[in-house]
Protein backbone atom coordinates (compact mmCIF):
# COMPACT_ATOMS: atom_id res chain seq x y z
CA UNK A 1 0.00 0.00 0.00
CA UNK A 2 2.92 2.30 0.72
CA UNK A 3 4.15 2.10 -2.89
CA UNK A 4 0.66 2.79 -4.25
CA UNK A 5 0.41 5.89 -2.06
CA UNK A 6 3.82 7.10 -3.14
CA UNK A 7 2.93 6.49 -6.79
CA UNK A 8 -0.14 8.74 -6.35
CA UNK A 9 1.73 11.36 -4.31
CA UNK A 10 -0.34 10.65 -1.21
CA UNK A 11 0.76 10.56 2.41
CA UNK A 12 1.80 7.06 3.40
CA UNK A 13 -0.79 4.70 4.88
CA UNK A 14 -1.18 4.58 8.65
CA UNK A 15 -2.24 1.42 10.48
CA UNK A 16 -5.26 2.11 12.64
CA UNK A 17 -9.00 2.31 13.08
CA UNK A 18 -11.07 5.00 11.38
CA UNK A 19 -14.57 6.18 12.11
CA UNK A 20 -16.56 6.39 8.91
CA UNK A 21 -20.02 7.95 8.67
CA UNK A 22 -21.89 5.08 10.31
CA UNK A 23 -19.22 2.48 11.05
CA UNK A 24 -15.60 1.85 11.98
CA UNK A 25 -12.94 -0.02 10.04
CA UNK A 26 -9.43 -1.19 10.88
CA UNK A 27 -6.50 -1.53 8.49
CA UNK A 28 -4.24 0.80 6.53
CA UNK A 29 -5.79 4.26 6.47
CA UNK A 30 -5.26 6.29 3.31
CA UNK A 31 -6.49 9.85 2.97
CA UNK A 32 -7.46 10.64 -0.61
CA UNK A 33 -7.63 14.24 -1.90
CA UNK A 34 -10.78 16.04 -0.75
CA UNK A 35 -12.33 12.88 0.74
CA UNK A 36 -14.27 13.40 3.96
CA UNK A 37 -13.30 9.98 5.38
CA UNK A 38 -10.18 7.88 4.81
CA UNK A 39 -10.13 4.70 2.76
CA UNK A 40 -9.39 1.68 4.96
CA UNK A 41 -7.50 -1.19 3.30
CA UNK A 42 -7.07 -4.64 4.84
CA UNK A 43 -4.35 -6.12 2.64
CA UNK A 44 -4.64 -9.54 4.30
CA UNK A 45 -8.31 -10.01 3.40
CA UNK A 46 -8.29 -7.79 0.32
CA UNK A 47 -11.15 -5.67 1.62
CA UNK A 48 -11.43 -1.93 1.10
CA UNK A 49 -13.88 0.02 3.24
CA UNK A 50 -14.82 3.62 2.50
CA UNK A 51 -17.71 6.04 2.61
CA UNK A 52 -17.90 8.63 -0.14
CA UNK A 53 -21.71 8.97 -0.18
CA UNK A 54 -21.95 8.04 -3.85
CA UNK A 55 -19.32 10.62 -4.81
CA UNK A 56 -20.56 13.50 -2.65
CA UNK A 57 -17.81 13.00 -0.04
CA UNK A 58 -15.02 11.93 -2.39
CA UNK A 59 -14.31 11.49 -6.08
CA UNK A 60 -14.48 7.78 -7.00
CA UNK A 61 -11.71 8.26 -9.59
CA UNK A 62 -9.20 8.86 -6.76
CA UNK A 63 -10.05 5.48 -5.25
CA UNK A 64 -9.96 3.77 -8.65
CA UNK A 65 -6.48 5.16 -9.29
CA UNK A 66 -5.24 4.04 -5.86
CA UNK A 67 -6.57 0.49 -6.40
CA UNK A 68 -5.00 0.31 -9.87
CA UNK A 69 -1.68 1.47 -8.42
CA UNK A 70 -1.86 -1.09 -5.61
CA UNK A 71 -2.57 -3.92 -8.06
CA UNK A 72 0.28 -2.80 -10.31
CA UNK A 73 2.81 -2.54 -7.49
CA UNK A 74 1.72 -5.86 -5.93
CA UNK A 75 2.06 -7.69 -9.26
CA UNK A 76 5.50 -6.21 -9.87
CA UNK A 77 6.65 -7.11 -6.35
CA UNK A 78 5.44 -10.72 -6.58
CA UNK A 79 6.97 -11.23 -10.03
CA UNK A 80 10.32 -9.89 -8.86
CA UNK A 81 10.22 -12.09 -5.77
CA UNK A 82 10.06 -15.06 -8.12
CA UNK A 83 13.08 -13.81 -10.07
CA UNK A 84 11.21 -12.37 -13.06
CA UNK A 85 11.69 -8.98 -14.67
CA UNK A 86 8.75 -6.66 -15.21
CA UNK A 87 8.20 -3.80 -17.61
CA UNK A 88 5.34 -1.37 -17.26
CA UNK A 89 3.59 0.66 -19.91
CA UNK A 90 0.80 3.19 -19.39
CA UNK A 91 -1.68 2.96 -22.25
CA UNK A 92 -3.54 5.88 -23.81
CA UNK A 93 -6.77 5.04 -21.94
CA UNK A 94 -4.97 5.20 -18.58
CA UNK A 95 -4.78 1.45 -18.08
CA UNK A 96 -1.45 -0.17 -17.28
CA UNK A 97 0.13 -3.03 -19.18
CA UNK A 98 2.64 -5.17 -17.31
CA UNK A 99 4.90 -7.58 -19.13
CA UNK A 100 6.53 -10.28 -17.01
CA UNK A 101 9.62 -11.88 -18.52
CA UNK A 102 10.18 -15.37 -17.14
CA UNK A 103 13.81 -16.51 -17.13
CA UNK A 104 14.75 -19.67 -19.00
C-alpha atoms as a PDB file:
ATOM      1  CA  UNK A   1       0.000   0.000   0.000  1.00  0.00           C
ATOM      2  CA  UNK A   2       2.920   2.304   0.717  1.00  0.00           C
ATOM      3  CA  UNK A   3       4.151   2.097  -2.894  1.00  0.00           C
ATOM      4  CA  UNK A   4       0.665   2.785  -4.248  1.00  0.00           C
ATOM      5  CA  UNK A   5       0.409   5.886  -2.061  1.00  0.00           C
ATOM      6  CA  UNK A   6       3.823   7.096  -3.143  1.00  0.00           C
ATOM      7  CA  UNK A   7       2.927   6.488  -6.787  1.00  0.00           C
ATOM      8  CA  UNK A   8      -0.145   8.736  -6.348  1.00  0.00           C
ATOM      9  CA  UNK A   9       1.730  11.361  -4.315  1.00  0.00           C
ATOM     10  CA  UNK A  10      -0.341  10.654  -1.211  1.00  0.00           C
ATOM     11  CA  UNK A  11       0.757  10.558   2.406  1.00  0.00           C
ATOM     12  CA  UNK A  12       1.803   7.057   3.405  1.00  0.00           C
ATOM     13  CA  UNK A  13      -0.787   4.703   4.881  1.00  0.00           C
ATOM     14  CA  UNK A  14      -1.181   4.580   8.646  1.00  0.00           C
ATOM     15  CA  UNK A  15      -2.244   1.419  10.476  1.00  0.00           C
ATOM     16  CA  UNK A  16      -5.256   2.113  12.644  1.00  0.00           C
ATOM     17  CA  UNK A  17      -8.999   2.308  13.077  1.00  0.00           C
ATOM     18  CA  UNK A  18     -11.072   4.998  11.383  1.00  0.00           C
ATOM     19  CA  UNK A  19     -14.572   6.183  12.114  1.00  0.00           C
ATOM     20  CA  UNK A  20     -16.557   6.388   8.914  1.00  0.00           C
ATOM     21  CA  UNK A  21     -20.023   7.949   8.669  1.00  0.00           C
ATOM     22  CA  UNK A  22     -21.893   5.075  10.308  1.00  0.00           C
ATOM     23  CA  UNK A  23     -19.219   2.483  11.053  1.00  0.00           C
ATOM     24  CA  UNK A  24     -15.599   1.853  11.976  1.00  0.00           C
ATOM     25  CA  UNK A  25     -12.942  -0.020  10.041  1.00  0.00           C
ATOM     26  CA  UNK A  26      -9.426  -1.192  10.878  1.00  0.00           C
ATOM     27  CA  UNK A  27      -6.496  -1.532   8.494  1.00  0.00           C
ATOM     28  CA  UNK A  28      -4.245   0.797   6.532  1.00  0.00           C
ATOM     29  CA  UNK A  29      -5.792   4.262   6.473  1.00  0.00           C
ATOM     30  CA  UNK A  30      -5.256   6.292   3.314  1.00  0.00           C
ATOM     31  CA  UNK A  31      -6.494   9.852   2.974  1.00  0.00           C
ATOM     32  CA  UNK A  32      -7.457  10.645  -0.608  1.00  0.00           C
ATOM     33  CA  UNK A  33      -7.625  14.242  -1.900  1.00  0.00           C
ATOM     34  CA  UNK A  34     -10.784  16.041  -0.750  1.00  0.00           C
ATOM     35  CA  UNK A  35     -12.333  12.882   0.743  1.00  0.00           C
ATOM     36  CA  UNK A  36     -14.273  13.400   3.961  1.00  0.00           C
ATOM     37  CA  UNK A  37     -13.297   9.982   5.378  1.00  0.00           C
ATOM     38  CA  UNK A  38     -10.179   7.879   4.807  1.00  0.00           C
ATOM     39  CA  UNK A  39     -10.134   4.699   2.763  1.00  0.00           C
ATOM     40  CA  UNK A  40      -9.386   1.676   4.960  1.00  0.00           C
ATOM     41  CA  UNK A  41      -7.499  -1.194   3.303  1.00  0.00           C
ATOM     42  CA  UNK A  42      -7.074  -4.638   4.835  1.00  0.00           C
ATOM     43  CA  UNK A  43      -4.351  -6.116   2.639  1.00  0.00           C
ATOM     44  CA  UNK A  44      -4.642  -9.538   4.303  1.00  0.00           C
ATOM     45  CA  UNK A  45      -8.312 -10.011   3.398  1.00  0.00           C
ATOM     46  CA  UNK A  46      -8.291  -7.794   0.320  1.00  0.00           C
ATOM     47  CA  UNK A  47     -11.151  -5.673   1.625  1.00  0.00           C
ATOM     48  CA  UNK A  48     -11.434  -1.935   1.096  1.00  0.00           C
ATOM     49  CA  UNK A  49     -13.879   0.024   3.240  1.00  0.00           C
ATOM     50  CA  UNK A  50     -14.823   3.620   2.498  1.00  0.00           C
ATOM     51  CA  UNK A  51     -17.712   6.039   2.614  1.00  0.00           C
ATOM     52  CA  UNK A  52     -17.902   8.632  -0.139  1.00  0.00           C
ATOM     53  CA  UNK A  53     -21.706   8.974  -0.184  1.00  0.00           C
ATOM     54  CA  UNK A  54     -21.949   8.043  -3.853  1.00  0.00           C
ATOM     55  CA  UNK A  55     -19.320  10.617  -4.807  1.00  0.00           C
ATOM     56  CA  UNK A  56     -20.556  13.496  -2.646  1.00  0.00           C
ATOM     57  CA  UNK A  57     -17.809  13.003  -0.040  1.00  0.00           C
ATOM     58  CA  UNK A  58     -15.021  11.930  -2.393  1.00  0.00           C
ATOM     59  CA  UNK A  59     -14.305  11.490  -6.076  1.00  0.00           C
ATOM     60  CA  UNK A  60     -14.476   7.775  -7.000  1.00  0.00           C
ATOM     61  CA  UNK A  61     -11.707   8.255  -9.587  1.00  0.00           C
ATOM     62  CA  UNK A  62      -9.200   8.860  -6.764  1.00  0.00           C
ATOM     63  CA  UNK A  63     -10.053   5.475  -5.249  1.00  0.00           C
ATOM     64  CA  UNK A  64      -9.958   3.770  -8.649  1.00  0.00           C
ATOM     65  CA  UNK A  65      -6.480   5.164  -9.289  1.00  0.00           C
ATOM     66  CA  UNK A  66      -5.240   4.039  -5.857  1.00  0.00           C
ATOM     67  CA  UNK A  67      -6.569   0.494  -6.404  1.00  0.00           C
ATOM     68  CA  UNK A  68      -5.001   0.309  -9.868  1.00  0.00           C
ATOM     69  CA  UNK A  69      -1.676   1.468  -8.420  1.00  0.00           C
ATOM     70  CA  UNK A  70      -1.864  -1.089  -5.615  1.00  0.00           C
ATOM     71  CA  UNK A  71      -2.572  -3.919  -8.058  1.00  0.00           C
ATOM     72  CA  UNK A  72       0.280  -2.804 -10.312  1.00  0.00           C
ATOM     73  CA  UNK A  73       2.811  -2.544  -7.490  1.00  0.00           C
ATOM     74  CA  UNK A  74       1.717  -5.856  -5.931  1.00  0.00           C
ATOM     75  CA  UNK A  75       2.061  -7.690  -9.262  1.00  0.00           C
ATOM     76  CA  UNK A  76       5.503  -6.212  -9.867  1.00  0.00           C
ATOM     77  CA  UNK A  77       6.648  -7.109  -6.348  1.00  0.00           C
ATOM     78  CA  UNK A  78       5.444 -10.718  -6.578  1.00  0.00           C
ATOM     79  CA  UNK A  79       6.968 -11.231 -10.034  1.00  0.00           C
ATOM     80  CA  UNK A  80      10.319  -9.886  -8.864  1.00  0.00           C
ATOM     81  CA  UNK A  81      10.223 -12.091  -5.768  1.00  0.00           C
ATOM     82  CA  UNK A  82      10.056 -15.057  -8.119  1.00  0.00           C
ATOM     83  CA  UNK A  83      13.080 -13.806 -10.071  1.00  0.00           C
ATOM     84  CA  UNK A  84      11.214 -12.374 -13.058  1.00  0.00           C
ATOM     85  CA  UNK A  85      11.686  -8.983 -14.667  1.00  0.00           C
ATOM     86  CA  UNK A  86       8.752  -6.662 -15.208  1.00  0.00           C
ATOM     87  CA  UNK A  87       8.198  -3.804 -17.607  1.00  0.00           C
ATOM     88  CA  UNK A  88       5.343  -1.368 -17.260  1.00  0.00           C
ATOM     89  CA  UNK A  89       3.593   0.665 -19.914  1.00  0.00           C
ATOM     90  CA  UNK A  90       0.805   3.187 -19.392  1.00  0.00           C
ATOM     91  CA  UNK A  91      -1.684   2.962 -22.249  1.00  0.00           C
ATOM     92  CA  UNK A  92      -3.545   5.881 -23.812  1.00  0.00           C
ATOM     93  CA  UNK A  93      -6.767   5.035 -21.944  1.00  0.00           C
ATOM     94  CA  UNK A  94      -4.970   5.201 -18.577  1.00  0.00           C
ATOM     95  CA  UNK A  95      -4.780   1.453 -18.084  1.00  0.00           C
ATOM     96  CA  UNK A  96      -1.446  -0.167 -17.277  1.00  0.00           C
ATOM     97  CA  UNK A  97       0.125  -3.032 -19.182  1.00  0.00           C
ATOM     98  CA  UNK A  98       2.641  -5.173 -17.305  1.00  0.00           C
ATOM     99  CA  UNK A  99       4.903  -7.582 -19.133  1.00  0.00           C
ATOM    100  CA  UNK A 100       6.534 -10.285 -17.010  1.00  0.00           C
ATOM    101  CA  UNK A 101       9.616 -11.876 -18.517  1.00  0.00           C
ATOM    102  CA  UNK A 102      10.177 -15.374 -17.142  1.00  0.00           C
ATOM    103  CA  UNK A 103      13.810 -16.511 -17.127  1.00  0.00           C
ATOM    104  CA  UNK A 104      14.746 -19.666 -19.002  1.00  0.00           C
END
